[in-house]
Protein backbone atom coordinates (compact mmCIF):
# COMPACT_ATOMS: atom_id res chain seq x y z
CA MET A 1 2.25 0.06 -21.28
CA LYS A 2 0.13 -3.02 -20.51
CA LYS A 3 3.39 -4.91 -20.04
CA GLN A 4 4.46 -2.37 -17.43
CA ILE A 5 1.15 -2.76 -15.58
CA ILE A 6 1.68 -6.54 -15.48
CA ILE A 7 5.28 -6.21 -14.30
CA PHE A 8 4.49 -3.75 -11.52
CA SER A 9 1.42 -5.71 -10.45
CA LEU A 10 3.65 -8.78 -10.12
CA LEU A 11 6.20 -6.75 -8.14
CA ASN A 12 3.43 -5.51 -5.83
CA PHE A 13 2.42 -9.14 -5.36
CA ILE A 14 5.97 -9.94 -4.20
CA ILE A 15 6.05 -6.91 -1.89
CA GLY A 16 2.81 -8.08 -0.27
CA LEU A 17 4.11 -11.64 0.07
CA THR A 18 7.46 -10.68 1.63
CA GLY A 19 5.95 -8.07 3.95
CA ILE A 20 3.35 -10.39 5.47
CA VAL A 21 5.63 -13.31 6.32
CA ILE A 22 7.10 -11.81 9.48
CA ARG A 23 3.65 -11.23 11.02
CA PRO A 24 2.35 -14.77 11.55
CA LEU A 25 5.88 -15.76 12.56
CA ILE A 26 5.90 -13.39 15.57
CA PRO A 27 5.44 -16.16 18.21
CA ILE A 28 8.10 -18.31 16.47
CA VAL A 29 10.63 -15.49 16.08
CA SER A 30 10.02 -14.41 19.67
CA GLU A 31 10.99 -17.87 20.95
CA ASP A 32 13.86 -18.33 18.47
CA ILE A 33 15.58 -15.00 19.25
CA ASN A 34 14.52 -15.32 22.92
CA VAL A 35 12.83 -11.93 23.27
CA GLY A 36 9.42 -10.91 24.61
CA LEU A 37 6.47 -9.60 22.64
CA ASP A 38 7.25 -6.09 23.83
CA MET A 39 10.61 -6.33 22.01
CA ILE A 40 8.86 -7.72 18.93
CA GLY A 41 6.69 -4.61 19.10
CA ILE A 42 9.91 -2.58 18.81
CA LEU A 43 10.88 -4.64 15.76
CA LEU A 44 7.54 -3.82 14.13
CA PHE A 45 8.06 -0.18 15.10
CA SER A 46 11.42 -0.17 13.30
CA ILE A 47 9.82 -1.61 10.14
CA SER A 48 7.12 1.06 10.25
CA LEU A 49 9.67 3.80 10.98
CA GLY A 50 11.72 2.84 7.93
CA PHE A 51 8.56 2.70 5.82
CA PHE A 52 7.47 6.13 7.04
CA ILE A 53 10.82 7.84 6.39
CA SER A 54 11.28 6.22 3.00
CA GLY A 55 7.70 6.76 1.83
CA ILE A 56 7.80 10.49 2.55
CA SER A 57 11.31 11.18 1.22
CA THR A 58 11.36 8.95 -1.87
CA GLY A 59 7.89 10.11 -2.89
CA TYR A 60 9.19 13.68 -2.97
CA LEU A 61 12.37 12.66 -4.80
CA SER A 62 10.46 10.71 -7.45
CA ASP A 63 8.51 13.89 -8.31
CA ARG A 64 11.73 15.87 -8.68
CA TYR A 65 14.12 13.36 -10.25
CA GLY A 66 12.01 10.51 -11.57
CA THR A 67 10.93 7.11 -10.33
CA LYS A 68 13.80 5.06 -11.75
CA LEU A 69 16.33 5.87 -9.04
CA THR A 70 13.83 5.37 -6.19
CA MET A 71 12.80 2.05 -7.73
CA TYR A 72 16.38 0.74 -7.78
CA PHE A 73 17.01 2.13 -4.30
CA GLY A 74 14.00 0.22 -2.91
CA LEU A 75 15.01 -3.03 -4.61
CA ILE A 76 18.62 -2.88 -3.44
CA VAL A 77 17.63 -2.13 0.16
CA LEU A 78 15.17 -5.06 0.12
CA ILE A 79 17.92 -7.33 -1.14
CA VAL A 80 20.11 -6.36 1.83
CA SER A 81 17.15 -6.63 4.23
CA SER A 82 16.24 -10.15 3.06
CA LEU A 83 19.84 -11.23 3.50
CA GLY A 84 19.84 -9.71 6.99
CA PHE A 85 16.70 -11.61 8.07
CA SER A 86 18.14 -14.86 6.73
CA LEU A 87 21.21 -14.35 8.97
CA ALA A 88 19.37 -12.89 11.99
CA TYR A 89 20.37 -14.74 15.15
CA THR A 90 20.48 -11.68 17.40
CA PHE A 91 17.89 -9.02 18.14
CA PHE A 92 20.22 -6.27 16.87
CA ILE A 93 20.48 -7.80 13.38
CA LEU A 94 16.73 -8.38 13.44
CA ILE A 95 16.08 -4.69 14.20
CA ILE A 96 18.45 -3.44 11.47
CA SER A 97 16.93 -5.85 8.93
CA GLY A 98 13.44 -4.71 9.91
CA LEU A 99 14.38 -1.05 9.50
CA LEU A 100 15.82 -1.78 6.05
CA MET A 101 12.71 -3.75 5.11
CA GLY A 102 10.54 -0.74 5.91
CA ILE A 103 12.82 1.62 3.99
CA GLY A 104 12.88 -0.63 0.94
CA ARG A 105 9.15 -1.34 0.86
CA GLY A 106 8.19 2.30 1.42
CA GLY A 107 10.45 3.58 -1.34
CA LEU A 108 9.49 0.84 -3.78
CA MET A 109 5.73 1.20 -3.27
CA ALA A 110 5.84 5.00 -3.51
CA ALA A 111 7.83 4.74 -6.75
CA ILE A 112 5.44 2.17 -8.25
CA ASN A 113 2.32 4.20 -7.38
CA SER A 114 3.82 7.40 -8.76
CA HIS A 115 4.99 5.70 -11.93
CA MET A 116 1.61 4.08 -12.60
CA VAL A 117 -0.23 7.36 -12.07
CA ASN A 118 2.13 9.21 -14.40
CA ILE A 119 1.95 6.79 -17.33
CA TYR A 120 -1.81 6.32 -17.17
CA PRO A 121 -3.39 9.25 -15.24
CA GLU A 122 -6.89 8.84 -16.69
CA LYS A 123 -7.16 5.37 -15.09
CA ARG A 124 -5.44 6.28 -11.84
CA GLU A 125 -8.07 4.81 -9.54
CA ALA A 126 -8.45 1.55 -11.47
CA ASN A 127 -4.70 0.95 -11.67
CA LEU A 128 -4.07 1.73 -8.01
CA LEU A 129 -6.85 -0.68 -7.03
CA LYS A 130 -5.27 -3.26 -9.33
CA LEU A 131 -1.93 -2.79 -7.61
CA GLY A 132 -3.69 -3.07 -4.26
CA TYR A 133 -5.38 -6.28 -5.40
CA PHE A 134 -2.07 -7.97 -6.23
CA PHE A 135 -0.51 -6.69 -2.99
CA CYS A 136 -3.33 -8.26 -0.96
CA LEU A 137 -3.20 -11.46 -3.01
CA GLY A 138 0.51 -11.72 -2.26
CA SER A 139 -0.20 -11.20 1.43
CA ALA A 140 -2.82 -13.94 1.40
CA ILE A 141 -0.52 -16.42 -0.33
CA GLY A 142 2.35 -15.42 1.97
CA THR A 143 0.43 -16.61 5.01
CA ILE A 144 -0.28 -19.94 3.29
CA VAL A 145 3.43 -20.28 2.58
CA VAL A 146 4.14 -19.73 6.30
CA SER A 147 1.65 -22.45 7.26
CA ILE A 148 3.25 -24.91 4.83
CA MET A 149 6.73 -24.10 6.15
CA LEU A 150 5.62 -24.64 9.75
CA PHE A 151 3.83 -27.90 8.92
CA LEU A 152 7.04 -29.09 7.22
CA LYS A 153 9.06 -27.79 10.22
CA LEU A 154 11.28 -25.63 8.01
CA ASN A 155 13.37 -22.82 9.46
CA TRP A 156 11.61 -19.46 9.00
CA ARG A 157 14.83 -17.89 7.64
CA ILE A 158 14.53 -19.95 4.44
CA ALA A 159 11.70 -17.70 3.28
CA PHE A 160 13.97 -14.65 3.38
CA ILE A 161 16.72 -16.46 1.48
CA ILE A 162 14.16 -17.02 -1.29
CA PHE A 163 13.09 -13.36 -1.14
CA PHE A 164 16.74 -12.34 -1.51
CA PHE A 165 16.95 -14.08 -4.88
CA ILE A 166 13.53 -12.86 -6.03
CA TYR A 167 14.41 -9.19 -5.48
CA LEU A 168 17.81 -9.75 -7.05
CA LEU A 169 16.15 -11.16 -10.19
CA PHE A 170 13.76 -8.19 -10.38
CA THR A 171 16.69 -5.79 -10.13
CA LEU A 172 18.62 -7.56 -12.89
CA TYR A 173 15.49 -7.65 -15.06
CA PHE A 174 14.92 -3.89 -14.76
CA LEU A 175 18.59 -3.20 -15.49
CA LYS A 176 18.49 -5.36 -18.60
CA LYS A 177 15.09 -4.36 -20.00
CA LYS A 178 15.19 -0.71 -18.95
CA VAL A 179 11.48 -0.86 -18.17
CA MET A 180 11.44 2.58 -16.59
CA LYS A 181 12.69 5.82 -18.03
CA SER A 182 14.63 8.19 -15.83
CA LYS A 183 11.61 10.48 -15.75
CA ILE A 184 8.06 9.67 -16.81
CA ASN A 185 6.25 12.95 -17.32
CA LEU A 186 2.53 13.53 -17.11
CA GLY A 187 0.92 13.71 -20.52
CA GLU A 188 3.59 11.75 -22.38
CA GLU A 189 1.33 8.75 -22.75
CA GLN A 190 -1.62 10.87 -23.91
CA ILE A 191 0.46 12.46 -26.68
CA GLU A 192 1.58 9.02 -27.85
CA ASN A 193 -2.00 7.72 -27.89
CA PHE A 194 -3.12 10.85 -29.72
CA ASN A 195 -0.56 10.28 -32.47
CA LYS A 196 -1.47 6.58 -32.74
CA GLU A 197 -5.13 7.46 -33.13
CA LYS A 198 -4.37 9.89 -35.96
CA ILE A 199 -2.22 7.30 -37.75
CA LYS A 200 -5.03 4.77 -37.40
CA ASN A 201 -7.56 7.20 -38.86
CA PHE A 202 -5.13 8.05 -41.63
CA LYS A 203 -4.68 4.40 -42.63
CA ASN A 204 -8.40 3.66 -42.53
CA ASN A 205 -9.24 6.41 -44.99
CA SER A 206 -9.55 4.18 -48.11
CA GLY A 207 -5.81 4.33 -48.74
CA ASN A 208 -6.02 7.95 -49.83
CA ILE A 209 -3.26 10.31 -48.83
CA ILE A 210 -5.09 12.95 -46.84
CA LEU A 211 -3.46 15.50 -44.64
CA ILE A 212 -4.50 15.68 -40.99
CA GLN A 213 -6.89 18.52 -40.51
CA GLU A 214 -5.47 21.81 -39.33
CA GLU A 215 -7.83 21.75 -36.38
CA ASP A 216 -6.28 18.50 -35.15
CA ASN A 217 -2.82 20.01 -35.49
CA ILE A 218 -3.92 22.95 -33.37
CA ASN A 219 -5.39 20.63 -30.71
CA LEU A 220 -2.24 18.52 -30.66
CA TYR A 221 -0.14 21.67 -30.29
CA LYS A 222 -2.29 22.82 -27.39
CA ASN A 223 -2.02 19.43 -25.71
CA LYS A 224 1.75 19.38 -26.08
CA LYS A 225 1.97 22.91 -24.76
CA SER A 226 -0.20 22.00 -21.80
CA PHE A 227 1.85 18.89 -21.06
CA LYS A 228 5.08 20.89 -21.32
CA ASN A 229 3.71 23.29 -18.72
CA VAL A 230 2.90 20.35 -16.42
CA ASN A 231 6.37 18.92 -16.93
CA LYS A 232 7.93 22.32 -16.26
CA PHE A 233 5.90 22.49 -13.04
CA GLN A 234 7.19 19.06 -12.05
CA LYS A 235 10.82 20.10 -12.48
CA HIS A 236 10.62 23.47 -10.74
CA THR A 237 8.06 22.83 -8.01
CA HIS A 238 8.81 24.98 -5.00
CA LEU A 239 8.60 23.55 -1.49
CA ARG A 240 5.65 25.89 -0.91
CA GLU A 241 3.57 23.87 -3.38
CA TYR A 242 4.05 20.79 -1.23
CA LEU A 243 3.22 22.62 1.98
CA ASN A 244 0.07 24.09 0.38
CA LEU A 245 -1.25 20.56 0.04
CA PHE A 246 -1.91 20.52 3.76
CA LYS A 247 -4.39 23.37 3.43
CA ASN A 248 -6.62 20.88 1.67
CA PRO A 249 -8.96 19.10 4.13
CA ILE A 250 -9.02 16.02 1.90
CA ILE A 251 -5.27 15.59 2.33
CA ILE A 252 -5.50 16.09 6.10
CA PHE A 253 -8.42 13.70 6.64
CA SER A 254 -6.88 11.12 4.31
CA GLY A 255 -3.78 11.08 6.50
CA ILE A 256 -5.80 10.67 9.71
CA LEU A 257 -7.80 7.82 8.19
CA LEU A 258 -4.64 5.99 7.15
CA ILE A 259 -3.06 6.43 10.59
CA LEU A 260 -6.06 4.76 12.23
CA PHE A 261 -6.37 2.18 9.46
CA GLY A 262 -2.71 1.20 9.86
CA GLY A 263 -3.09 1.01 13.63
CA THR A 264 -6.19 -1.19 13.56
CA VAL A 265 -6.87 -3.22 10.40
CA VAL A 266 -3.21 -3.68 9.42
CA ALA A 267 -2.14 -4.19 13.04
CA PHE A 268 -4.89 -6.80 13.44
CA SER A 269 -3.26 -8.90 10.71
CA THR A 270 0.12 -8.47 12.41
CA TRP A 271 -1.07 -9.79 15.78
CA TYR A 272 -3.62 -12.24 14.34
CA THR A 273 -1.71 -15.45 15.13
CA THR A 274 -0.54 -14.06 18.48
CA TYR A 275 -4.12 -13.22 19.46
CA PHE A 276 -5.50 -16.64 18.53
CA SER A 277 -2.56 -18.38 20.25
CA SER A 278 -4.07 -17.09 23.52
CA PHE A 279 -6.94 -19.52 22.86
CA GLY A 280 -4.55 -22.46 22.38
CA ILE A 281 -4.58 -22.41 18.56
CA LYS A 282 -1.25 -23.33 16.95
CA VAL A 283 0.45 -20.83 14.64
CA GLU A 284 0.30 -23.15 11.61
CA ILE A 285 -3.50 -23.28 12.03
CA SER A 286 -4.12 -19.60 12.81
CA SER A 287 -1.86 -18.68 9.89
CA LEU A 288 -4.41 -20.32 7.60
CA GLY A 289 -7.09 -18.15 9.24
CA LEU A 290 -4.89 -15.12 8.54
CA SER A 291 -4.72 -16.24 4.93
CA LEU A 292 -8.52 -16.20 4.78
CA TYR A 293 -8.40 -12.70 6.25
CA TRP A 294 -6.09 -11.49 3.48
CA LEU A 295 -8.06 -13.33 0.81
CA SER A 296 -11.15 -11.47 2.02
CA ILE A 297 -9.19 -8.19 1.76
CA THR A 298 -8.28 -9.20 -1.80
CA GLY A 299 -11.95 -9.80 -2.50
CA GLY A 300 -12.69 -6.45 -0.89
CA VAL A 301 -10.49 -4.72 -3.47
CA LYS A 302 -12.60 -6.26 -6.24
CA LEU A 303 -15.74 -5.19 -4.41
CA LYS A 304 -14.44 -1.59 -4.35
CA GLN A 305 -13.90 -1.70 -8.11
CA PHE A 306 -17.62 -2.33 -8.56
CA ALA A 307 -18.78 -0.06 -5.75
CA ILE A 308 -16.85 2.96 -7.03
CA LYS A 309 -19.07 2.99 -10.12
CA LYS A 310 -22.23 3.50 -8.05
CA PHE A 311 -21.16 5.26 -4.87
CA LYS A 312 -18.94 8.19 -3.95
CA ASP A 313 -15.58 7.63 -2.33
CA TYR A 314 -16.55 8.96 1.09
CA GLN A 315 -19.73 6.84 1.16
CA ILE A 316 -17.73 3.64 0.57
CA ILE A 317 -15.23 4.69 3.23
CA PHE A 318 -17.97 5.47 5.78
CA ILE A 319 -19.80 2.16 5.30
CA GLY A 320 -16.55 0.20 5.51
CA CYS A 321 -15.44 1.92 8.72
CA LEU A 322 -18.87 1.46 10.33
CA LEU A 323 -18.93 -2.27 9.59
CA ASN A 324 -15.31 -2.59 10.71
CA ALA A 325 -16.19 -1.15 14.14
CA ILE A 326 -19.17 -3.52 14.46
CA PHE A 327 -17.18 -6.62 13.50
CA MET A 328 -14.28 -5.64 15.76
CA LEU A 329 -16.76 -5.45 18.65
CA ILE A 330 -17.89 -8.98 17.79
CA ILE A 331 -14.30 -10.27 17.66
CA THR A 332 -13.44 -8.66 20.99
CA PHE A 333 -16.41 -9.85 23.05
CA SER A 334 -17.55 -13.05 21.34
CA GLN A 335 -16.45 -16.29 23.03
CA ASN A 336 -16.84 -18.39 19.88
CA ILE A 337 -13.66 -18.87 17.81
CA ILE A 338 -15.59 -19.54 14.57
CA ILE A 339 -17.56 -16.31 14.97
CA LYS A 340 -14.33 -14.42 15.55
CA ILE A 341 -12.84 -15.81 12.33
CA ILE A 342 -15.97 -15.04 10.31
CA ALA A 343 -16.05 -11.48 11.67
CA SER A 344 -12.39 -11.00 10.72
CA ILE A 345 -13.14 -12.19 7.19
CA LEU A 346 -15.99 -9.67 6.92
CA ILE A 347 -13.66 -6.88 8.10
CA GLY A 348 -11.29 -7.69 5.26
CA LEU A 349 -14.12 -7.80 2.75
CA PHE A 350 -15.45 -4.34 3.56
CA LEU A 351 -12.11 -2.59 4.11
CA GLY A 352 -10.10 -4.24 1.32
CA GLY A 353 -8.79 -1.63 -1.12
CA PHE A 354 -9.05 1.13 1.50
CA THR A 355 -5.46 2.32 1.03
CA ALA A 356 -5.67 2.36 -2.77
CA LEU A 357 -8.98 4.23 -2.64
CA ILE A 358 -7.64 6.90 -0.28
CA THR A 359 -4.41 7.20 -2.28
CA SER A 360 -6.30 7.80 -5.53
CA PHE A 361 -8.65 10.20 -3.77
CA ALA A 362 -5.74 12.24 -2.41
CA ILE A 363 -3.68 12.19 -5.61
CA GLY A 364 -6.68 13.59 -7.45
CA GLN A 365 -6.14 16.85 -5.57
CA LYS A 366 -2.74 17.41 -7.22
CA PRO A 367 -1.79 14.71 -9.79
CA GLU A 368 1.54 16.37 -10.67
CA LEU A 369 2.67 15.72 -7.09
CA SER A 370 1.60 12.07 -7.20
CA GLY A 371 4.91 10.79 -5.84
CA PHE A 372 4.85 12.97 -2.74
CA ILE A 373 1.14 12.38 -2.06
CA SER A 374 1.52 8.62 -2.51
CA GLY A 375 4.51 8.65 -0.16
CA TYR A 376 2.59 10.78 2.33
CA ILE A 377 -0.37 8.37 2.34
CA LEU A 378 1.91 5.35 2.76
CA GLY A 379 3.80 7.26 5.45
CA MET A 380 0.61 7.92 7.42
CA LEU A 381 -0.29 4.24 7.10
CA SER A 382 3.11 3.39 8.54
CA LEU A 383 2.78 6.05 11.25
CA GLY A 384 -0.35 4.27 12.47
CA ASN A 385 1.70 1.09 12.79
CA MET A 386 4.45 2.99 14.59
CA ILE A 387 1.98 4.27 17.16
CA PHE A 388 -0.15 1.18 17.69
CA GLN A 389 2.26 -1.76 17.24
CA PRO A 390 4.50 -1.10 20.28
CA ILE A 391 1.42 -0.40 22.42
CA ILE A 392 -0.21 -3.67 21.38
CA GLY A 393 3.05 -5.58 21.92
CA ASN A 394 3.59 -4.09 25.36
CA ILE A 395 0.02 -4.74 26.51
CA SER A 396 0.11 -8.28 25.10
CA GLU A 397 3.34 -9.01 26.99
CA ARG A 398 2.14 -7.54 30.28
CA PHE A 399 -1.53 -8.57 30.39
CA GLY A 400 -1.74 -11.55 28.06
CA ARG A 401 -1.71 -12.25 24.32
CA GLY A 402 -5.45 -11.77 23.98
CA THR A 403 -5.55 -8.24 25.44
CA GLY A 404 -4.04 -6.39 22.48
CA ILE A 405 -7.40 -6.62 20.72
CA TYR A 406 -8.78 -3.87 22.98
CA VAL A 407 -6.28 -1.38 21.52
CA GLN A 408 -7.45 -2.31 18.03
CA LEU A 409 -11.06 -1.93 19.09
CA ILE A 410 -10.40 1.64 20.30
CA GLY A 411 -8.65 2.39 17.01
CA SER A 412 -11.59 1.00 15.02
CA VAL A 413 -14.04 3.25 16.89
CA LEU A 414 -11.82 6.28 16.21
CA LEU A 415 -11.61 5.24 12.55
CA PHE A 416 -15.40 5.24 12.33
CA ILE A 417 -15.65 8.64 14.04
CA THR A 418 -13.17 10.12 11.55
CA ALA A 419 -15.10 8.63 8.61
CA PHE A 420 -18.30 10.10 10.06
CA ILE A 421 -16.70 13.57 10.23
CA ILE A 422 -15.63 13.30 6.59
CA THR A 423 -19.13 12.20 5.58
CA VAL A 424 -20.72 15.19 7.29
CA PHE A 425 -18.09 17.47 5.75
CA TYR A 426 -18.87 16.28 2.22
CA LYS A 427 -22.61 16.15 2.68
CA TYR A 428 -23.01 19.76 3.71
CA LYS A 429 -19.95 21.34 2.16
CA GLU A 430 -18.72 19.86 -1.12
CA PRO A 431 -15.05 21.00 -1.34
CA ASP A 432 -13.82 23.05 -4.24
CA THR A 433 -10.84 20.96 -5.36
CA GLU A 434 -10.05 23.10 -8.36
CA ASN A 435 -8.19 25.60 -6.17
CA PHE A 436 -5.83 23.01 -4.81
């Protein structure tokens, strides 16, 4: 199982790296394809649309039919998408490749999250944060790669040719090693660990042949019976069970938070180089600043791993959203470039791991529907991008590259207000999650 964690962490690293590359390249791609920033906003919308559709649908399908098929689907689509970007000389091909990128990434990430939760449910939060850490690390390194390519004056399409071969190798590896079963059921890992523990105790008993106590047999039988019931629920879940999720305020507020998070913090990284280009900073330089931003997000994931041991989820979320709004105010109205960069680094530090934390929080409401919930959370994240990205692109094209930051500022304030509502909700009315 540890091998699987390593493999999927590495794959998440690659997903983060490939997904970030297009963002700092926005000014370059805009000039190369000869389209305005408003059209680039449509490209980003198509990526988010594909991510949204795929995240929602493949998350549901992974609950019903297993994560193996959705994993291969995501990999194959990303192979085609990478090839499309490497051959993109028209805006039409660029749009289709972007749509496929979103579909592939959404399906792949939903499958990975669901699979990791299913094989190791008792460490759901820790593993999801670990996946988030490698995703952010890949994003940080991806921006460094872009800077190196631009300094060396390499064509931006070369990166996607490399991604084509990387995803192809991952696909061939999974086919050969059969890392994933067709269906990983909740409880399977616990039964295996239970049996291993009994064998260990048996061997350590001075070499005597002693039968396992009847009480342990009864407990094992109960566990197996319980797990069989969970697995039966997984296979025969009615659509009503999925719809009932949205009666849970945690699920609803989690979605709203991710919409605003995707439209502000994620969108900020997308338009980072474009924003700083309005101050005369070259893309190869601002791309390094974006790398610092993603490195701070990576550090923020580690910070969450420590914070979660001392604070409640909603407290961490509230503090992060409050500081994000403050630092976004500083970025918007400060005239000093260094202060802007420092404030952006602090945003990443306090909101790093936000998606993983919310995903774990939401999945905890109904672990047997982990695929659908994970897809829903990722879908809401993408929906935020779908709403905000075209608006930012349009405003940046019409009123100047530095004006898109005001849209992100409004989103950050709304993010804080939503976090405040959740804090009040939990402080005065602790929800009864057992009924959900």
